[in-house]
């Protein structure tokens, strides 16, 4: 009984290390290579991957609200991945 409980704790710690620890490591590594703005834009792709995987795994047709949300996510990701600002500030001199 105690060995099974310890095994469960070790398994959860390993999953946490892989899921959280390595994701943070690769995020910081990407920031060094790409910069903070581009890394954040690429990091925003994760919800899209999760949405596609959910369609594949569960094999269900989603409602209309799913597609509306997907379009809004795409627009937000496109806007955040651009290097130029949306609004230009006018300097008053």
PDB file of N, CA and C in Angstrom:
ATOM      1  N   UNK A   1       0.817  -1.191   0.000  1.00  0.00           N
ATOM      2  CA  UNK A   1       0.000   0.000   0.000  1.00  0.00           C
ATOM      3  C   UNK A   1       0.861   1.255   0.000  1.00  0.00           C
ATOM      4  N   UNK A   2       1.868   1.274   0.844  1.00  0.00           N
ATOM      5  CA  UNK A   2       2.746   2.443   0.923  1.00  0.00           C
ATOM      6  C   UNK A   2       3.571   2.571  -0.348  1.00  0.00           C
ATOM      7  N   UNK A   3       4.009   1.460  -0.899  1.00  0.00           N
ATOM      8  CA  UNK A   3       4.801   1.497  -2.136  1.00  0.00           C
ATOM      9  C   UNK A   3       3.968   2.039  -3.287  1.00  0.00           C
ATOM     10  N   UNK A   4       2.691   1.654  -3.343  1.00  0.00           N
ATOM     11  CA  UNK A   4       1.815   2.171  -4.393  1.00  0.00           C
ATOM     12  C   UNK A   4       1.618   3.674  -4.250  1.00  0.00           C
ATOM     13  N   UNK A   5       1.481   4.151  -3.024  1.00  0.00           N
ATOM     14  CA  UNK A   5       1.310   5.581  -2.791  1.00  0.00           C
ATOM     15  C   UNK A   5       2.570   6.340  -3.177  1.00  0.00           C
ATOM     16  N   UNK A   6       3.731   5.795  -2.829  1.00  0.00           N
ATOM     17  CA  UNK A   6       4.990   6.443  -3.207  1.00  0.00           C
ATOM     18  C   UNK A   6       5.168   6.446  -4.728  1.00  0.00           C
ATOM     19  N   UNK A   7       4.782   5.358  -5.376  1.00  0.00           N
ATOM     20  CA  UNK A   7       4.879   5.287  -6.822  1.00  0.00           C
ATOM     21  C   UNK A   7       3.987   6.348  -7.479  1.00  0.00           C
ATOM     22  N   UNK A   8       2.807   6.560  -6.930  1.00  0.00           N
ATOM     23  CA  UNK A   8       1.901   7.583  -7.456  1.00  0.00           C
ATOM     24  C   UNK A   8       2.497   8.973  -7.296  1.00  0.00           C
ATOM     25  N   UNK A   9       3.117   9.220  -6.159  1.00  0.00           N
ATOM     26  CA  UNK A   9       3.742  10.526  -5.921  1.00  0.00           C
ATOM     27  C   UNK A   9       4.888  10.756  -6.898  1.00  0.00           C
ATOM     28  N   UNK A  10       5.718   9.753  -7.103  1.00  0.00           N
ATOM     29  CA  UNK A  10       6.841   9.866  -8.045  1.00  0.00           C
ATOM     30  C   UNK A  10       6.329  10.082  -9.468  1.00  0.00           C
ATOM     31  N   UNK A  11       5.279   9.376  -9.836  1.00  0.00           N
ATOM     32  CA  UNK A  11       4.717   9.527 -11.179  1.00  0.00           C
ATOM     33  C   UNK A  11       4.172  10.935 -11.391  1.00  0.00           C
ATOM     34  N   UNK A  12       3.478  11.472 -10.401  1.00  0.00           N
ATOM     35  CA  UNK A  12       2.938  12.832 -10.514  1.00  0.00           C
ATOM     36  C   UNK A  12       4.064  13.855 -10.582  1.00  0.00           C
ATOM     37  N   UNK A  13       5.108  13.659  -9.804  1.00  0.00           N
ATOM     38  CA  UNK A  13       6.253  14.570  -9.866  1.00  0.00           C
ATOM     39  C   UNK A  13       6.929  14.539 -11.231  1.00  0.00           C
ATOM     40  N   UNK A  14       7.040  13.377 -11.822  1.00  0.00           N
ATOM     41  CA  UNK A  14       7.647  13.258 -13.151  1.00  0.00           C
ATOM     42  C   UNK A  14       6.793  13.928 -14.224  1.00  0.00           C
ATOM     43  N   UNK A  15       5.494  13.736 -14.144  1.00  0.00           N
ATOM     44  CA  UNK A  15       4.601  14.400 -15.101  1.00  0.00           C
ATOM     45  C   UNK A  15       4.683  15.910 -14.927  1.00  0.00           C
ATOM     46  N   UNK A  16       4.730  16.377 -13.706  1.00  0.00           N
ATOM     47  CA  UNK A  16       4.863  17.811 -13.455  1.00  0.00           C
ATOM     48  C   UNK A  16       6.166  18.370 -13.984  1.00  0.00           C
ATOM     49  N   UNK A  17       7.244  17.619 -13.819  1.00  0.00           N
ATOM     50  CA  UNK A  17       8.532  18.055 -14.343  1.00  0.00           C
ATOM     51  C   UNK A  17       8.490  18.181 -15.848  1.00  0.00           C
ATOM     52  N   UNK A  18       7.945  17.187 -16.502  1.00  0.00           N
ATOM     53  CA  UNK A  18       7.899  17.211 -17.972  1.00  0.00           C
ATOM     54  C   UNK A  18       6.950  18.304 -18.462  1.00  0.00           C
ATOM     55  N   UNK A  19       5.764  18.376 -17.898  1.00  0.00           N
ATOM     56  CA  UNK A  19       4.756  19.303 -18.391  1.00  0.00           C
ATOM     57  C   UNK A  19       5.097  20.751 -18.068  1.00  0.00           C
ATOM     58  N   UNK A  20       5.521  21.024 -16.867  1.00  0.00           N
ATOM     59  CA  UNK A  20       5.767  22.403 -16.460  1.00  0.00           C
ATOM     60  C   UNK A  20       7.234  22.786 -16.585  1.00  0.00           C
ATOM     61  N   UNK A  21       8.102  21.966 -16.057  1.00  0.00           N
ATOM     62  CA  UNK A  21       9.521  22.301 -16.035  1.00  0.00           C
ATOM     63  C   UNK A  21      10.126  22.466 -17.409  1.00  0.00           C
ATOM     64  N   UNK A  22       9.885  21.502 -18.275  1.00  0.00           N
ATOM     65  CA  UNK A  22      10.456  21.595 -19.612  1.00  0.00           C
ATOM     66  C   UNK A  22       9.795  22.684 -20.450  1.00  0.00           C
ATOM     67  N   UNK A  23       8.515  22.935 -20.232  1.00  0.00           N
ATOM     68  CA  UNK A  23       7.862  24.004 -20.989  1.00  0.00           C
ATOM     69  C   UNK A  23       8.446  25.368 -20.617  1.00  0.00           C
ATOM     70  N   UNK A  24       8.711  25.594 -19.350  1.00  0.00           N
ATOM     71  CA  UNK A  24       9.336  26.846 -18.926  1.00  0.00           C
ATOM     72  C   UNK A  24      10.758  26.945 -19.471  1.00  0.00           C
ATOM     73  N   UNK A  25      11.489  25.851 -19.434  1.00  0.00           N
ATOM     74  CA  UNK A  25      12.856  25.854 -19.964  1.00  0.00           C
ATOM     75  C   UNK A  25      12.868  26.231 -21.442  1.00  0.00           C
ATOM     76  N   UNK A  26      12.015  25.591 -22.223  1.00  0.00           N
ATOM     77  CA  UNK A  26      11.990  25.882 -23.655  1.00  0.00           C
ATOM     78  C   UNK A  26      11.435  27.274 -23.947  1.00  0.00           C
ATOM     79  N   UNK A  27      10.546  27.764 -23.108  1.00  0.00           N
ATOM     80  CA  UNK A  27      10.018  29.123 -23.281  1.00  0.00           C
ATOM     81  C   UNK A  27      11.136  30.147 -23.081  1.00  0.00           C
ATOM     82  N   UNK A  28      11.917  29.999 -22.039  1.00  0.00           N
ATOM     83  CA  UNK A  28      13.022  30.923 -21.781  1.00  0.00           C
ATOM     84  C   UNK A  28      14.082  30.795 -22.876  1.00  0.00           C
ATOM     85  N   UNK A  29      14.346  29.586 -23.322  1.00  0.00           N
ATOM     86  CA  UNK A  29      15.312  29.361 -24.401  1.00  0.00           C
ATOM     87  C   UNK A  29      14.844  30.045 -25.687  1.00  0.00           C
ATOM     88  N   UNK A  30      13.545  29.950 -25.982  1.00  0.00           N
ATOM     89  CA  UNK A  30      13.005  30.599 -27.171  1.00  0.00           C
ATOM     90  C   UNK A  30      13.069  32.117 -27.048  1.00  0.00           C
ATOM     91  N   UNK A  31      12.887  32.635 -25.845  1.00  0.00           N
ATOM     92  CA  UNK A  31      12.995  34.080 -25.664  1.00  0.00           C
ATOM     93  C   UNK A  31      14.398  34.570 -25.960  1.00  0.00           C
ATOM     94  N   UNK A  32      15.381  33.789 -25.615  1.00  0.00           N
ATOM     95  CA  UNK A  32      16.759  34.174 -25.926  1.00  0.00           C
ATOM     96  C   UNK A  32      16.998  34.198 -27.430  1.00  0.00           C
ATOM     97  N   UNK A  33      16.446  33.229 -28.139  1.00  0.00           N
ATOM     98  CA  UNK A  33      16.675  33.143 -29.572  1.00  0.00           C
ATOM     99  C   UNK A  33      15.799  34.095 -30.389  1.00  0.00           C
ATOM    100  N   UNK A  34      14.524  34.185 -30.042  1.00  0.00           N
ATOM    101  CA  UNK A  34      13.560  34.918 -30.865  1.00  0.00           C
ATOM    102  C   UNK A  34      13.186  36.291 -30.321  1.00  0.00           C
ATOM    103  N   UNK A  35      13.351  36.491 -29.048  1.00  0.00           N
ATOM    104  CA  UNK A  35      12.881  37.719 -28.424  1.00  0.00           C
ATOM    105  C   UNK A  35      11.541  37.479 -27.752  1.00  0.00           C
ATOM    106  N   UNK A  36      11.195  38.371 -26.853  1.00  0.00           N
ATOM    107  CA  UNK A  36       9.993  38.187 -26.050  1.00  0.00           C
ATOM    108  C   UNK A  36       8.708  38.292 -26.872  1.00  0.00           C
ATOM    109  N   UNK A  37       8.653  39.227 -27.819  1.00  0.00           N
ATOM    110  CA  UNK A  37       7.415  39.444 -28.582  1.00  0.00           C
ATOM    111  C   UNK A  37       7.092  38.250 -29.468  1.00  0.00           C
ATOM    112  N   UNK A  38       8.064  37.769 -30.205  1.00  0.00           N
ATOM    113  CA  UNK A  38       7.811  36.635 -31.099  1.00  0.00           C
ATOM    114  C   UNK A  38       7.557  35.341 -30.318  1.00  0.00           C
ATOM    115  N   UNK A  39       8.263  35.163 -29.227  1.00  0.00           N
ATOM    116  CA  UNK A  39       8.036  33.966 -28.415  1.00  0.00           C
ATOM    117  C   UNK A  39       6.616  33.956 -27.864  1.00  0.00           C
ATOM    118  N   UNK A  40       6.138  35.090 -27.405  1.00  0.00           N
ATOM    119  CA  UNK A  40       4.774  35.158 -26.891  1.00  0.00           C
ATOM    120  C   UNK A  40       3.756  34.894 -27.992  1.00  0.00           C
ATOM    121  N   UNK A  41       4.045  35.374 -29.191  1.00  0.00           N
ATOM    122  CA  UNK A  41       3.125  35.123 -30.304  1.00  0.00           C
ATOM    123  C   UNK A  41       3.084  33.638 -30.645  1.00  0.00           C
ATOM    124  N   UNK A  42       4.227  32.993 -30.669  1.00  0.00           N
ATOM    125  CA  UNK A  42       4.247  31.560 -30.959  1.00  0.00           C
ATOM    126  C   UNK A  42       3.650  30.752 -29.810  1.00  0.00           C
ATOM    127  N   UNK A  43       3.828  31.243 -28.600  1.00  0.00           N
ATOM    128  CA  UNK A  43       3.261  30.571 -27.428  1.00  0.00           C
ATOM    129  C   UNK A  43       1.732  30.616 -27.468  1.00  0.00           C
ATOM    130  N   UNK A  44       1.194  31.620 -28.166  1.00  0.00           N
ATOM    131  CA  UNK A  44      -0.259  31.759 -28.293  1.00  0.00           C
ATOM    132  C   UNK A  44      -0.855  30.691 -29.206  1.00  0.00           C
ATOM    133  N   UNK A  45      -0.032  29.919 -29.887  1.00  0.00           N
ATOM    134  CA  UNK A  45      -0.522  28.867 -30.778  1.00  0.00           C
ATOM    135  C   UNK A  45      -1.006  27.647 -29.984  1.00  0.00           C
ATOM    136  N   UNK A  46      -0.613  27.520 -28.745  1.00  0.00           N
ATOM    137  CA  UNK A  46      -0.974  26.356 -27.935  1.00  0.00           C
ATOM    138  C   UNK A  46      -2.481  26.088 -27.873  1.00  0.00           C
ATOM    139  N   UNK A  47      -3.333  27.103 -27.724  1.00  0.00           N
ATOM    140  CA  UNK A  47      -4.774  26.806 -27.724  1.00  0.00           C
ATOM    141  C   UNK A  47      -5.266  26.218 -29.048  1.00  0.00           C
ATOM    142  N   UNK A  48      -4.659  26.628 -30.157  1.00  0.00           N
ATOM    143  CA  UNK A  48      -5.057  26.074 -31.448  1.00  0.00           C
ATOM    144  C   UNK A  48      -4.699  24.595 -31.548  1.00  0.00           C
ATOM    145  N   UNK A  49      -3.537  24.258 -31.063  1.00  0.00           N
ATOM    146  CA  UNK A  49      -3.120  22.855 -31.075  1.00  0.00           C
ATOM    147  C   UNK A  49      -4.056  22.032 -30.193  1.00  0.00           C
ATOM    148  N   UNK A  50      -4.415  22.580 -29.037  1.00  0.00           N
ATOM    149  CA  UNK A  50      -5.340  21.874 -28.149  1.00  0.00           C
ATOM    150  C   UNK A  50      -6.712  21.713 -28.791  1.00  0.00           C
ATOM    151  N   UNK A  51      -7.168  22.733 -29.506  1.00  0.00           N
ATOM    152  CA  UNK A  51      -8.474  22.640 -30.169  1.00  0.00           C
ATOM    153  C   UNK A  51      -8.465  21.580 -31.261  1.00  0.00           C
ATOM    154  N   UNK A  52      -7.406  21.532 -32.040  1.00  0.00           N
ATOM    155  CA  UNK A  52      -7.308  20.522 -33.103  1.00  0.00           C
ATOM    156  C   UNK A  52      -7.219  19.120 -32.505  1.00  0.00           C
ATOM    157  N   UNK A  53      -6.431  18.976 -31.445  1.00  0.00           N
ATOM    158  CA  UNK A  53      -6.328  17.670 -30.802  1.00  0.00           C
ATOM    159  C   UNK A  53      -7.663  17.227 -30.206  1.00  0.00           C
ATOM    160  N   UNK A  54      -8.431  18.180 -29.662  1.00  0.00           N
ATOM    161  CA  UNK A  54      -9.731  17.797 -29.099  1.00  0.00           C
ATOM    162  C   UNK A  54     -10.684  17.322 -30.185  1.00  0.00           C
ATOM    163  N   UNK A  55     -10.613  17.928 -31.369  1.00  0.00           N
ATOM    164  CA  UNK A  55     -11.451  17.474 -32.483  1.00  0.00           C
ATOM    165  C   UNK A  55     -11.063  16.061 -32.915  1.00  0.00           C
ATOM    166  N   UNK A  56      -9.767  15.802 -32.931  1.00  0.00           N
ATOM    167  CA  UNK A  56      -9.283  14.485 -33.356  1.00  0.00           C
ATOM    168  C   UNK A  56      -9.605  13.421 -32.306  1.00  0.00           C
ATOM    169  N   UNK A  57      -9.383  13.740 -31.048  1.00  0.00           N
ATOM    170  CA  UNK A  57      -9.557  12.744 -29.983  1.00  0.00           C
ATOM    171  C   UNK A  57     -11.030  12.424 -29.743  1.00  0.00           C
ATOM    172  N   UNK A  58     -11.868  13.461 -29.626  1.00  0.00           N
ATOM    173  CA  UNK A  58     -13.255  13.239 -29.241  1.00  0.00           C
ATOM    174  C   UNK A  58     -14.179  12.979 -30.424  1.00  0.00           C
ATOM    175  N   UNK A  59     -13.762  13.334 -31.621  1.00  0.00           N
ATOM    176  CA  UNK A  59     -14.522  13.067 -32.853  1.00  0.00           C
ATOM    177  C   UNK A  59     -15.960  13.544 -32.753  1.00  0.00           C
ATOM    178  N   UNK A  60     -16.141  14.772 -32.303  1.00  0.00           N
ATOM    179  CA  UNK A  60     -17.465  15.371 -32.209  1.00  0.00           C
ATOM    180  C   UNK A  60     -17.498  16.658 -33.023  1.00  0.00           C
ATOM    181  N   UNK A  61     -18.656  16.969 -33.573  1.00  0.00           N
ATOM    182  CA  UNK A  61     -18.838  18.217 -34.299  1.00  0.00           C
ATOM    183  C   UNK A  61     -19.162  19.312 -33.284  1.00  0.00           C
ATOM    184  N   UNK A  62     -18.354  20.367 -33.211  1.00  0.00           N
ATOM    185  CA  UNK A  62     -18.612  21.419 -32.229  1.00  0.00           C
ATOM    186  C   UNK A  62     -19.763  22.343 -32.654  1.00  0.00           C
ATOM    187  N   UNK A  63     -20.245  23.134 -31.690  1.00  0.00           N
ATOM    188  CA  UNK A  63     -21.307  24.101 -31.942  1.00  0.00           C
ATOM    189  C   UNK A  63     -20.763  25.314 -32.703  1.00  0.00           C
ATOM    190  N   UNK A  64     -21.657  26.213 -33.040  1.00  0.00           N
ATOM    191  CA  UNK A  64     -21.287  27.443 -33.749  1.00  0.00           C
ATOM    192  C   UNK A  64     -20.396  28.317 -32.876  1.00  0.00           C
ATOM    193  N   UNK A  65     -20.640  28.322 -31.576  1.00  0.00           N
ATOM    194  CA  UNK A  65     -19.833  29.151 -30.678  1.00  0.00           C
ATOM    195  C   UNK A  65     -18.360  28.742 -30.697  1.00  0.00           C
ATOM    196  N   UNK A  66     -18.095  27.479 -30.936  1.00  0.00           N
ATOM    197  CA  UNK A  66     -16.712  26.999 -31.045  1.00  0.00           C
ATOM    198  C   UNK A  66     -16.015  27.692 -32.207  1.00  0.00           C
ATOM    199  N   UNK A  67     -16.692  27.751 -33.348  1.00  0.00           N
ATOM    200  CA  UNK A  67     -16.079  28.355 -34.529  1.00  0.00           C
ATOM    201  C   UNK A  67     -15.953  29.868 -34.395  1.00  0.00           C
ATOM    202  N   UNK A  68     -16.901  30.497 -33.711  1.00  0.00           N
ATOM    203  CA  UNK A  68     -16.789  31.932 -33.445  1.00  0.00           C
ATOM    204  C   UNK A  68     -15.575  32.201 -32.557  1.00  0.00           C
ATOM    205  N   UNK A  69     -15.423  31.405 -31.522  1.00  0.00           N
ATOM    206  CA  UNK A  69     -14.274  31.557 -30.634  1.00  0.00           C
ATOM    207  C   UNK A  69     -12.969  31.270 -31.360  1.00  0.00           C
ATOM    208  N   UNK A  70     -12.982  30.288 -32.269  1.00  0.00           N
ATOM    209  CA  UNK A  70     -11.777  29.965 -33.034  1.00  0.00           C
ATOM    210  C   UNK A  70     -11.362  31.136 -33.921  1.00  0.00           C
ATOM    211  N   UNK A  71     -12.326  31.776 -34.560  1.00  0.00           N
ATOM    212  CA  UNK A  71     -12.025  32.939 -35.395  1.00  0.00           C
ATOM    213  C   UNK A  71     -11.469  34.077 -34.543  1.00  0.00           C
ATOM    214  N   UNK A  72     -12.057  34.309 -33.382  1.00  0.00           N
ATOM    215  CA  UNK A  72     -11.545  35.357 -32.493  1.00  0.00           C
ATOM    216  C   UNK A  72     -10.129  35.046 -32.015  1.00  0.00           C
ATOM    217  N   UNK A  73      -9.844  33.791 -31.736  1.00  0.00           N
ATOM    218  CA  UNK A  73      -8.489  33.392 -31.335  1.00  0.00           C
ATOM    219  C   UNK A  73      -7.496  33.621 -32.469  1.00  0.00           C
ATOM    220  N   UNK A  74      -7.893  33.312 -33.703  1.00  0.00           N
ATOM    221  CA  UNK A  74      -7.011  33.505 -34.849  1.00  0.00           C
ATOM    222  C   UNK A  74      -6.708  34.989 -35.048  1.00  0.00           C
ATOM    223  N   UNK A  75      -7.743  35.829 -34.953  1.00  0.00           N
ATOM    224  CA  UNK A  75      -7.543  37.268 -35.098  1.00  0.00           C
ATOM    225  C   UNK A  75      -6.613  37.790 -34.011  1.00  0.00           C
ATOM    226  N   UNK A  76      -6.829  37.369 -32.780  1.00  0.00           N
ATOM    227  CA  UNK A  76      -5.967  37.808 -31.684  1.00  0.00           C
ATOM    228  C   UNK A  76      -4.527  37.356 -31.850  1.00  0.00           C
ATOM    229  N   UNK A  77      -4.320  36.132 -32.308  1.00  0.00           N
ATOM    230  CA  UNK A  77      -2.959  35.633 -32.520  1.00  0.00           C
ATOM    231  C   UNK A  77      -2.274  36.386 -33.648  1.00  0.00           C
ATOM    232  N   UNK A  78      -3.024  36.689 -34.705  1.00  0.00           N
ATOM    233  CA  UNK A  78      -2.437  37.447 -35.822  1.00  0.00           C
ATOM    234  C   UNK A  78      -2.064  38.859 -35.392  1.00  0.00           C
ATOM    235  N   UNK A  79      -2.937  39.495 -34.623  1.00  0.00           N
ATOM    236  CA  UNK A  79      -2.643  40.852 -34.159  1.00  0.00           C
ATOM    237  C   UNK A  79      -1.463  40.878 -33.190  1.00  0.00           C
ATOM    238  N   UNK A  80      -1.349  39.883 -32.346  1.00  0.00           N
ATOM    239  CA  UNK A  80      -0.253  39.875 -31.380  1.00  0.00           C
ATOM    240  C   UNK A  80       1.073  39.457 -31.996  1.00  0.00           C
ATOM    241  N   UNK A  81       1.051  38.826 -33.151  1.00  0.00           N
ATOM    242  CA  UNK A  81       2.309  38.389 -33.756  1.00  0.00           C
ATOM    243  C   UNK A  81       2.945  39.446 -34.642  1.00  0.00           C
ATOM    244  N   UNK A  82       2.237  40.529 -34.904  1.00  0.00           N
ATOM    245  CA  UNK A  82       2.796  41.600 -35.723  1.00  0.00           C
ATOM    246  C   UNK A  82       3.777  42.415 -34.901  1.00  0.00           C
ATOM    247  N   UNK A  83       4.815  42.903 -35.572  1.00  0.00           N
ATOM    248  CA  UNK A  83       5.821  43.695 -34.880  1.00  0.00           C
ATOM    249  C   UNK A  83       5.452  45.167 -34.787  1.00  0.00           C
ATOM    250  N   UNK A  84       4.481  45.606 -35.565  1.00  0.00           N
ATOM    251  CA  UNK A  84       4.114  47.020 -35.549  1.00  0.00           C
ATOM    252  C   UNK A  84       2.913  47.235 -34.627  1.00  0.00           C
ATOM    253  N   UNK A  85       2.840  48.404 -34.005  1.00  0.00           N
ATOM    254  CA  UNK A  85       1.698  48.683 -33.124  1.00  0.00           C
ATOM    255  C   UNK A  85       0.427  48.921 -33.934  1.00  0.00           C
ATOM    256  N   UNK A  86      -0.719  48.678 -33.320  1.00  0.00           N
ATOM    257  CA  UNK A  86      -1.994  48.905 -33.986  1.00  0.00           C
ATOM    258  C   UNK A  86      -2.320  50.389 -34.102  1.00  0.00           C
ATOM    259  N   UNK A  87      -1.954  51.156 -33.089  1.00  0.00           N
ATOM    260  CA  UNK A  87      -2.253  52.586 -33.057  1.00  0.00           C
ATOM    261  C   UNK A  87      -0.943  53.348 -32.952  1.00  0.00           C
ATOM    262  N   UNK A  88      -0.758  54.307 -33.855  1.00  0.00           N
ATOM    263  CA  UNK A  88       0.432  55.139 -33.795  1.00  0.00           C
ATOM    264  C   UNK A  88       0.180  56.318 -32.870  1.00  0.00           C
ATOM    265  N   UNK A  89       1.102  56.555 -31.980  1.00  0.00           N
ATOM    266  CA  UNK A  89       0.970  57.661 -31.043  1.00  0.00           C
ATOM    267  C   UNK A  89       1.524  58.937 -31.669  1.00  0.00           C
ATOM    268  N   UNK A  90       0.821  60.000 -31.477  1.00  0.00           N
ATOM    269  CA  UNK A  90       1.246  61.303 -31.992  1.00  0.00           C
ATOM    270  C   UNK A  90       1.915  62.058 -30.856  1.00  0.00           C
ATOM    271  N   UNK A  91       3.135  62.532 -31.133  1.00  0.00           N
ATOM    272  CA  UNK A  91       3.858  63.260 -30.111  1.00  0.00           C
ATOM    273  C   UNK A  91       3.477  64.738 -30.179  1.00  0.00           C
ATOM    274  N   UNK A  92       3.088  65.264 -29.056  1.00  0.00           N
ATOM    275  CA  UNK A  92       2.777  66.689 -28.962  1.00  0.00           C
ATOM    276  C   UNK A  92       4.029  67.416 -28.511  1.00  0.00           C
ATOM    277  N   UNK A  93       4.541  68.261 -29.403  1.00  0.00           N
ATOM    278  CA  UNK A  93       5.774  68.995 -29.051  1.00  0.00           C
ATOM    279  C   UNK A  93       5.515  70.453 -28.919  1.00  0.00           C
TER     280      UNK A  93
END
